[in-house]
Amino acid sequence: MLLLSHNKLERKKMNIDKGTQFVVSYIPENIDKEKNTKQKMVFRSALFDDKSKVWTTTKGETVLTYFDLDRNGYRTAKNFTITLKG
């Protein structure tokens, strides 16, 4: 199961097969190793694969680990929203 949104009021669950591409949007703490002081939202093309997962941090936050197709590496997003492609 994968969350479409981190927001408890909007939380919906759905199955996403490995190999599914989607767009994830969120406000990261840092962008290009600099503090995101303007709270800029990013939109990333992503892939759900064997290493992708939704999990809970020790602080109780729901986060998504995904493969970032734009940056060619794994990222973790909190306060995220997923939009399926296609």
PDB file of N, CA and C in Angstrom:
ATOM      1  N   MET A   1       0.838  -1.183   0.000  1.00  0.00           N
ATOM      2  CA  MET A   1       0.000   0.000   0.000  1.00  0.00           C
ATOM      3  C   MET A   1       0.880   1.242   0.000  1.00  0.00           C
ATOM      4  N   LEU A   2       0.436   2.244  -0.701  1.00  0.00           N
ATOM      5  CA  LEU A   2       1.185   3.489  -0.781  1.00  0.00           C
ATOM      6  C   LEU A   2       0.236   4.640  -0.541  1.00  0.00           C
ATOM      7  N   LEU A   3       0.645   5.606   0.255  1.00  0.00           N
ATOM      8  CA  LEU A   3      -0.206   6.747   0.538  1.00  0.00           C
ATOM      9  C   LEU A   3      -0.176   7.729  -0.614  1.00  0.00           C
ATOM     10  N   LEU A   4      -1.346   8.229  -0.985  1.00  0.00           N
ATOM     11  CA  LEU A   4      -1.415   9.275  -1.998  1.00  0.00           C
ATOM     12  C   LEU A   4      -1.096  10.630  -1.395  1.00  0.00           C
ATOM     13  N   SER A   5      -1.358  10.802  -0.112  1.00  0.00           N
ATOM     14  CA  SER A   5      -1.086  12.061   0.553  1.00  0.00           C
ATOM     15  C   SER A   5      -0.733  11.785   2.006  1.00  0.00           C
ATOM     16  N   HIS A   6       0.141  12.603   2.551  1.00  0.00           N
ATOM     17  CA  HIS A   6       0.534  12.464   3.950  1.00  0.00           C
ATOM     18  C   HIS A   6      -0.546  13.001   4.878  1.00  0.00           C
ATOM     19  N   ASN A   7      -1.405  13.895   4.381  1.00  0.00           N
ATOM     20  CA  ASN A   7      -2.397  14.586   5.184  1.00  0.00           C
ATOM     21  C   ASN A   7      -3.464  13.610   5.661  1.00  0.00           C
ATOM     22  N   LYS A   8      -3.659  13.512   6.972  1.00  0.00           N
ATOM     23  CA  LYS A   8      -4.608  12.554   7.528  1.00  0.00           C
ATOM     24  C   LYS A   8      -6.030  12.792   7.032  1.00  0.00           C
ATOM     25  N   LEU A   9      -6.379  14.046   6.746  1.00  0.00           N
ATOM     26  CA  LEU A   9      -7.723  14.336   6.259  1.00  0.00           C
ATOM     27  C   LEU A   9      -7.909  13.903   4.808  1.00  0.00           C
ATOM     28  N   GLU A  10      -6.810  13.856   4.054  1.00  0.00           N
ATOM     29  CA  GLU A  10      -6.868  13.498   2.644  1.00  0.00           C
ATOM     30  C   GLU A  10      -6.315  12.104   2.374  1.00  0.00           C
ATOM     31  N   ARG A  11      -5.893  11.417   3.415  1.00  0.00           N
ATOM     32  CA  ARG A  11      -5.162  10.161   3.244  1.00  0.00           C
ATOM     33  C   ARG A  11      -5.995   9.126   2.507  1.00  0.00           C
ATOM     34  N   LYS A  12      -5.427   8.605   1.459  1.00  0.00           N
ATOM     35  CA  LYS A  12      -6.058   7.541   0.685  1.00  0.00           C
ATOM     36  C   LYS A  12      -4.989   6.497   0.432  1.00  0.00           C
ATOM     37  N   LYS A  13      -5.392   5.251   0.377  1.00  0.00           N
ATOM     38  CA  LYS A  13      -4.425   4.192   0.117  1.00  0.00           C
ATOM     39  C   LYS A  13      -4.739   3.544  -1.213  1.00  0.00           C
ATOM     40  N   MET A  14      -3.694   3.084  -1.872  1.00  0.00           N
ATOM     41  CA  MET A  14      -3.878   2.367  -3.120  1.00  0.00           C
ATOM     42  C   MET A  14      -2.669   1.478  -3.351  1.00  0.00           C
ATOM     43  N   ASN A  15      -2.821   0.510  -4.180  1.00  0.00           N
ATOM     44  CA  ASN A  15      -1.698  -0.346  -4.549  1.00  0.00           C
ATOM     45  C   ASN A  15      -0.949   0.289  -5.702  1.00  0.00           C
ATOM     46  N   ILE A  16       0.363   0.302  -5.602  1.00  0.00           N
ATOM     47  CA  ILE A  16       1.201   0.747  -6.709  1.00  0.00           C
ATOM     48  C   ILE A  16       2.173  -0.375  -7.000  1.00  0.00           C
ATOM     49  N   ASP A  17       2.164  -0.823  -8.228  1.00  0.00           N
ATOM     50  CA  ASP A  17       3.050  -1.904  -8.634  1.00  0.00           C
ATOM     51  C   ASP A  17       4.474  -1.392  -8.797  1.00  0.00           C
ATOM     52  N   LYS A  18       5.419  -2.263  -8.538  1.00  0.00           N
ATOM     53  CA  LYS A  18       6.815  -1.920  -8.786  1.00  0.00           C
ATOM     54  C   LYS A  18       6.955  -1.588 -10.269  1.00  0.00           C
ATOM     55  N   GLY A  19       7.713  -0.556 -10.558  1.00  0.00           N
ATOM     56  CA  GLY A  19       7.885  -0.097 -11.925  1.00  0.00           C
ATOM     57  C   GLY A  19       6.955   1.040 -12.296  1.00  0.00           C
ATOM     58  N   THR A  20       6.037   1.409 -11.394  1.00  0.00           N
ATOM     59  CA  THR A  20       5.106   2.500 -11.656  1.00  0.00           C
ATOM     60  C   THR A  20       5.820   3.843 -11.545  1.00  0.00           C
ATOM     61  N   GLN A  21       5.596   4.712 -12.537  1.00  0.00           N
ATOM     62  CA  GLN A  21       6.135   6.068 -12.487  1.00  0.00           C
ATOM     63  C   GLN A  21       5.045   7.014 -12.010  1.00  0.00           C
ATOM     64  N   PHE A  22       5.441   8.043 -11.249  1.00  0.00           N
ATOM     65  CA  PHE A  22       4.508   9.019 -10.702  1.00  0.00           C
ATOM     66  C   PHE A  22       5.248  10.316 -10.459  1.00  0.00           C
ATOM     67  N   VAL A  23       4.510  11.343 -10.083  1.00  0.00           N
ATOM     68  CA  VAL A  23       5.108  12.616  -9.696  1.00  0.00           C
ATOM     69  C   VAL A  23       4.860  12.787  -8.202  1.00  0.00           C
ATOM     70  N   VAL A  24       5.916  13.090  -7.468  1.00  0.00           N
ATOM     71  CA  VAL A  24       5.784  13.346  -6.031  1.00  0.00           C
ATOM     72  C   VAL A  24       6.062  14.835  -5.813  1.00  0.00           C
ATOM     73  N   SER A  25       5.216  15.463  -5.009  1.00  0.00           N
ATOM     74  CA  SER A  25       5.405  16.881  -4.685  1.00  0.00           C
ATOM     75  C   SER A  25       5.505  17.020  -3.170  1.00  0.00           C
ATOM     76  N   TYR A  26       6.411  17.914  -2.753  1.00  0.00           N
ATOM     77  CA  TYR A  26       6.625  18.150  -1.323  1.00  0.00           C
ATOM     78  C   TYR A  26       7.515  19.368  -1.145  1.00  0.00           C
ATOM     79  N   ILE A  27       7.607  19.845   0.090  1.00  0.00           N
ATOM     80  CA  ILE A  27       8.489  20.965   0.420  1.00  0.00           C
ATOM     81  C   ILE A  27       9.683  20.397   1.173  1.00  0.00           C
ATOM     82  N   PRO A  28      10.843  20.298   0.500  1.00  0.00           N
ATOM     83  CA  PRO A  28      12.013  19.712   1.169  1.00  0.00           C
ATOM     84  C   PRO A  28      12.666  20.689   2.142  1.00  0.00           C
ATOM     85  N   GLU A  29      13.387  20.145   3.096  1.00  0.00           N
ATOM     86  CA  GLU A  29      14.123  20.986   4.044  1.00  0.00           C
ATOM     87  C   GLU A  29      15.277  21.685   3.348  1.00  0.00           C
ATOM     88  N   ASN A  30      15.904  20.990   2.381  1.00  0.00           N
ATOM     89  CA  ASN A  30      17.035  21.547   1.635  1.00  0.00           C
ATOM     90  C   ASN A  30      16.819  21.341   0.138  1.00  0.00           C
ATOM     91  N   ILE A  31      17.309  22.292  -0.651  1.00  0.00           N
ATOM     92  CA  ILE A  31      17.333  22.162  -2.106  1.00  0.00           C
ATOM     93  C   ILE A  31      18.758  22.445  -2.545  1.00  0.00           C
ATOM     94  N   ASP A  32      19.353  21.500  -3.255  1.00  0.00           N
ATOM     95  CA  ASP A  32      20.754  21.620  -3.694  1.00  0.00           C
ATOM     96  C   ASP A  32      21.673  21.980  -2.532  1.00  0.00           C
ATOM     97  N   LYS A  33      21.493  21.298  -1.409  1.00  0.00           N
ATOM     98  CA  LYS A  33      22.306  21.416  -0.197  1.00  0.00           C
ATOM     99  C   LYS A  33      22.175  22.763   0.507  1.00  0.00           C
ATOM    100  N   GLU A  34      21.152  23.564   0.146  1.00  0.00           N
ATOM    101  CA  GLU A  34      20.905  24.836   0.816  1.00  0.00           C
ATOM    102  C   GLU A  34      19.536  24.782   1.485  1.00  0.00           C
ATOM    103  N   LYS A  35      19.410  25.427   2.653  1.00  0.00           N
ATOM    104  CA  LYS A  35      18.145  25.469   3.382  1.00  0.00           C
ATOM    105  C   LYS A  35      17.050  26.044   2.493  1.00  0.00           C
ATOM    106  N   ASN A  36      15.899  25.424   2.509  1.00  0.00           N
ATOM    107  CA  ASN A  36      14.746  25.863   1.731  1.00  0.00           C
ATOM    108  C   ASN A  36      13.947  26.874   2.561  1.00  0.00           C
ATOM    109  N   THR A  37      14.495  28.063   2.761  1.00  0.00           N
ATOM    110  CA  THR A  37      13.887  29.071   3.639  1.00  0.00           C
ATOM    111  C   THR A  37      12.601  29.649   3.063  1.00  0.00           C
ATOM    112  N   LYS A  38      12.438  29.608   1.750  1.00  0.00           N
ATOM    113  CA  LYS A  38      11.232  30.162   1.122  1.00  0.00           C
ATOM    114  C   LYS A  38      10.118  29.121   1.004  1.00  0.00           C
ATOM    115  N   GLN A  39      10.355  27.919   1.552  1.00  0.00           N
ATOM    116  CA  GLN A  39       9.363  26.841   1.526  1.00  0.00           C
ATOM    117  C   GLN A  39       8.897  26.527   0.106  1.00  0.00           C
ATOM    118  N   LYS A  40       9.865  26.473  -0.818  1.00  0.00           N
ATOM    119  CA  LYS A  40       9.576  26.160  -2.211  1.00  0.00           C
ATOM    120  C   LYS A  40       9.159  24.690  -2.351  1.00  0.00           C
ATOM    121  N   MET A  41       8.063  24.448  -3.067  1.00  0.00           N
ATOM    122  CA  MET A  41       7.608  23.085  -3.322  1.00  0.00           C
ATOM    123  C   MET A  41       8.332  22.547  -4.547  1.00  0.00           C
ATOM    124  N   VAL A  42       8.715  21.273  -4.490  1.00  0.00           N
ATOM    125  CA  VAL A  42       9.347  20.627  -5.638  1.00  0.00           C
ATOM    126  C   VAL A  42       8.419  19.548  -6.181  1.00  0.00           C
ATOM    127  N   PHE A  43       8.562  19.296  -7.458  1.00  0.00           N
ATOM    128  CA  PHE A  43       7.823  18.254  -8.150  1.00  0.00           C
ATOM    129  C   PHE A  43       8.859  17.365  -8.814  1.00  0.00           C
ATOM    130  N   ARG A  44       8.874  16.093  -8.488  1.00  0.00           N
ATOM    131  CA  ARG A  44       9.876  15.181  -9.021  1.00  0.00           C
ATOM    132  C   ARG A  44       9.219  14.007  -9.733  1.00  0.00           C
ATOM    133  N   SER A  45       9.762  13.661 -10.887  1.00  0.00           N
ATOM    134  CA  SER A  45       9.359  12.423 -11.555  1.00  0.00           C
ATOM    135  C   SER A  45       9.986  11.288 -10.769  1.00  0.00           C
ATOM    136  N   ALA A  46       9.181  10.304 -10.421  1.00  0.00           N
ATOM    137  CA  ALA A  46       9.649   9.254  -9.512  1.00  0.00           C
ATOM    138  C   ALA A  46       9.272   7.877 -10.034  1.00  0.00           C
ATOM    139  N   LEU A  47       9.977   6.895  -9.502  1.00  0.00           N
ATOM    140  CA  LEU A  47       9.738   5.497  -9.836  1.00  0.00           C
ATOM    141  C   LEU A  47       9.589   4.727  -8.539  1.00  0.00           C
ATOM    142  N   PHE A  48       8.563   3.867  -8.467  1.00  0.00           N
ATOM    143  CA  PHE A  48       8.388   2.985  -7.318  1.00  0.00           C
ATOM    144  C   PHE A  48       9.045   1.656  -7.665  1.00  0.00           C
ATOM    145  N   ASP A  49      10.108   1.295  -6.924  1.00  0.00           N
ATOM    146  CA  ASP A  49      10.836   0.055  -7.212  1.00  0.00           C
ATOM    147  C   ASP A  49      11.029  -0.763  -5.941  1.00  0.00           C
ATOM    148  N   ASP A  50      11.926  -1.737  -5.993  1.00  0.00           N
ATOM    149  CA  ASP A  50      12.148  -2.647  -4.857  1.00  0.00           C
ATOM    150  C   ASP A  50      12.606  -1.931  -3.591  1.00  0.00           C
ATOM    151  N   LYS A  51      13.296  -0.806  -3.725  1.00  0.00           N
ATOM    152  CA  LYS A  51      13.796  -0.082  -2.560  1.00  0.00           C
ATOM    153  C   LYS A  51      12.840   1.015  -2.092  1.00  0.00           C
ATOM    154  N   SER A  52      11.789   1.269  -2.851  1.00  0.00           N
ATOM    155  CA  SER A  52      10.819   2.306  -2.490  1.00  0.00           C
ATOM    156  C   SER A  52       9.911   1.805  -1.375  1.00  0.00           C
ATOM    157  N   LYS A  53       9.531   2.741  -0.490  1.00  0.00           N
ATOM    158  CA  LYS A  53       8.653   2.341   0.610  1.00  0.00           C
ATOM    159  C   LYS A  53       8.052   3.566   1.278  1.00  0.00           C
ATOM    160  N   VAL A  54       6.954   3.351   1.963  1.00  0.00           N
ATOM    161  CA  VAL A  54       6.362   4.339   2.852  1.00  0.00           C
ATOM    162  C   VAL A  54       6.608   3.829   4.258  1.00  0.00           C
ATOM    163  N   TRP A  55       7.146   4.692   5.125  1.00  0.00           N
ATOM    164  CA  TRP A  55       7.483   4.254   6.468  1.00  0.00           C
ATOM    165  C   TRP A  55       7.322   5.402   7.456  1.00  0.00           C
ATOM    166  N   THR A  56       7.431   5.074   8.734  1.00  0.00           N
ATOM    167  CA  THR A  56       7.254   6.050   9.805  1.00  0.00           C
ATOM    168  C   THR A  56       8.594   6.293  10.486  1.00  0.00           C
ATOM    169  N   THR A  57       8.960   7.567  10.613  1.00  0.00           N
ATOM    170  CA  THR A  57      10.214   7.927  11.268  1.00  0.00           C
ATOM    171  C   THR A  57      10.088   7.777  12.783  1.00  0.00           C
ATOM    172  N   THR A  58      11.199   7.901  13.476  1.00  0.00           N
ATOM    173  CA  THR A  58      11.170   7.836  14.946  1.00  0.00           C
ATOM    174  C   THR A  58      10.410   9.016  15.535  1.00  0.00           C
ATOM    175  N   LYS A  59      10.228  10.089  14.755  1.00  0.00           N
ATOM    176  CA  LYS A  59       9.438  11.246  15.196  1.00  0.00           C
ATOM    177  C   LYS A  59       7.957  11.071  14.887  1.00  0.00           C
ATOM    178  N   GLY A  60       7.599   9.930  14.287  1.00  0.00           N
ATOM    179  CA  GLY A  60       6.204   9.658  13.974  1.00  0.00           C
ATOM    180  C   GLY A  60       5.721  10.239  12.655  1.00  0.00           C
ATOM    181  N   GLU A  61       6.642  10.695  11.808  1.00  0.00           N
ATOM    182  CA  GLU A  61       6.280  11.272  10.511  1.00  0.00           C
ATOM    183  C   GLU A  61       6.185  10.175   9.456  1.00  0.00           C
ATOM    184  N   THR A  62       5.173  10.255   8.603  1.00  0.00           N
ATOM    185  CA  THR A  62       5.050   9.327   7.488  1.00  0.00           C
ATOM    186  C   THR A  62       5.860   9.883   6.326  1.00  0.00           C
ATOM    187  N   VAL A  63       6.786   9.081   5.809  1.00  0.00           N
ATOM    188  CA  VAL A  63       7.662   9.528   4.725  1.00  0.00           C
ATOM    189  C   VAL A  63       7.667   8.505   3.596  1.00  0.00           C
ATOM    190  N   LEU A  64       8.104   8.962   2.436  1.00  0.00           N
ATOM    191  CA  LEU A  64       8.186   8.135   1.241  1.00  0.00           C
ATOM    192  C   LEU A  64       9.625   8.105   0.750  1.00  0.00           C
ATOM    193  N   THR A  65      10.180   6.927   0.581  1.00  0.00           N
ATOM    194  CA  THR A  65      11.470   6.770  -0.077  1.00  0.00           C
ATOM    195  C   THR A  65      11.175   6.319  -1.500  1.00  0.00           C
ATOM    196  N   TYR A  66      11.729   7.027  -2.471  1.00  0.00           N
ATOM    197  CA  TYR A  66      11.439   6.773  -3.878  1.00  0.00           C
ATOM    198  C   TYR A  66      12.695   6.983  -4.719  1.00  0.00           C
ATOM    199  N   PHE A  67      12.683   6.484  -5.966  1.00  0.00           N
ATOM    200  CA  PHE A  67      13.786   6.739  -6.886  1.00  0.00           C
ATOM    201  C   PHE A  67      13.441   7.972  -7.699  1.00  0.00           C
ATOM    202  N   ASP A  68      14.292   8.990  -7.608  1.00  0.00           N
ATOM    203  CA  ASP A  68      14.092  10.268  -8.290  1.00  0.00           C
ATOM    204  C   ASP A  68      14.660  10.155  -9.706  1.00  0.00           C
ATOM    205  N   LEU A  69      13.777  10.167 -10.696  1.00  0.00           N
ATOM    206  CA  LEU A  69      14.200  10.052 -12.087  1.00  0.00           C
ATOM    207  C   LEU A  69      14.885  11.316 -12.590  1.00  0.00           C
ATOM    208  N   ASP A  70      14.581  12.469 -11.962  1.00  0.00           N
ATOM    209  CA  ASP A  70      15.213  13.734 -12.349  1.00  0.00           C
ATOM    210  C   ASP A  70      16.659  13.817 -11.870  1.00  0.00           C
ATOM    211  N   ARG A  71      16.915  13.294 -10.684  1.00  0.00           N
ATOM    212  CA  ARG A  71      18.244  13.399 -10.070  1.00  0.00           C
ATOM    213  C   ARG A  71      19.007  12.072 -10.075  1.00  0.00           C
ATOM    214  N   ASN A  72      18.364  11.022 -10.591  1.00  0.00           N
ATOM    215  CA  ASN A  72      18.995   9.704 -10.722  1.00  0.00           C
ATOM    216  C   ASN A  72      19.522   9.155  -9.397  1.00  0.00           C
ATOM    217  N   GLY A  73      18.656   9.158  -8.392  1.00  0.00           N
ATOM    218  CA  GLY A  73      19.049   8.623  -7.090  1.00  0.00           C
ATOM    219  C   GLY A  73      17.844   8.556  -6.165  1.00  0.00           C
ATOM    220  N   TYR A  74      18.038   7.959  -5.002  1.00  0.00           N
ATOM    221  CA  TYR A  74      16.955   7.805  -4.034  1.00  0.00           C
ATOM    222  C   TYR A  74      16.809   9.054  -3.179  1.00  0.00           C
ATOM    223  N   ARG A  75      15.565   9.400  -2.875  1.00  0.00           N
ATOM    224  CA  ARG A  75      15.230  10.534  -2.034  1.00  0.00           C
ATOM    225  C   ARG A  75      14.142  10.102  -1.055  1.00  0.00           C
ATOM    226  N   THR A  76      14.016  10.856   0.029  1.00  0.00           N
ATOM    227  CA  THR A  76      12.952  10.626   0.987  1.00  0.00           C
ATOM    228  C   THR A  76      12.169  11.923   1.139  1.00  0.00           C
ATOM    229  N   ALA A  77      10.845  11.814   1.017  1.00  0.00           N
ATOM    230  CA  ALA A  77       9.965  12.982   1.099  1.00  0.00           C
ATOM    231  C   ALA A  77       9.024  12.836   2.275  1.00  0.00           C
ATOM    232  N   LYS A  78       8.794  13.952   2.969  1.00  0.00           N
ATOM    233  CA  LYS A  78       7.743  13.972   3.980  1.00  0.00           C
ATOM    234  C   LYS A  78       6.749  15.047   3.562  1.00  0.00           C
ATOM    235  N   ASN A  79       5.537  14.977   4.098  1.00  0.00           N
ATOM    236  CA  ASN A  79       4.479  15.901   3.709  1.00  0.00           C
ATOM    237  C   ASN A  79       4.307  15.884   2.189  1.00  0.00           C
ATOM    238  N   PHE A  80       4.174  14.715   1.659  1.00  0.00           N
ATOM    239  CA  PHE A  80       4.165  14.520   0.210  1.00  0.00           C
ATOM    240  C   PHE A  80       2.768  14.252  -0.341  1.00  0.00           C
ATOM    241  N   THR A  81       2.642  14.485  -1.647  1.00  0.00           N
ATOM    242  CA  THR A  81       1.453  14.123  -2.401  1.00  0.00           C
ATOM    243  C   THR A  81       1.919  13.437  -3.679  1.00  0.00           C
ATOM    244  N   ILE A  82       1.234  12.386  -4.059  1.00  0.00           N
ATOM    245  CA  ILE A  82       1.594  11.602  -5.253  1.00  0.00           C
ATOM    246  C   ILE A  82       0.535  11.798  -6.320  1.00  0.00           C
ATOM    247  N   THR A  83       1.009  12.010  -7.546  1.00  0.00           N
ATOM    248  CA  THR A  83       0.125  12.067  -8.712  1.00  0.00           C
ATOM    249  C   THR A  83       0.585  10.983  -9.666  1.00  0.00           C
ATOM    250  N   LEU A  84      -0.293  10.051  -9.990  1.00  0.00           N
ATOM    251  CA  LEU A  84       0.079   8.980 -10.900  1.00  0.00           C
ATOM    252  C   LEU A  84       0.124   9.492 -12.324  1.00  0.00           C
ATOM    253  N   LYS A  85       1.096   9.006 -13.086  1.00  0.00           N
ATOM    254  CA  LYS A  85       1.195   9.369 -14.499  1.00  0.00           C
ATOM    255  C   LYS A  85       0.288   8.468 -15.315  1.00  0.00           C
ATOM    256  N   GLY A  86      -0.208   9.031 -16.413  1.00  0.00           N
ATOM    257  CA  GLY A  86      -0.998   8.213 -17.331  1.00  0.00           C
ATOM    258  C   GLY A  86      -2.400   8.336 -17.039  1.00  0.00           C
TER     259      GLY A  86
END
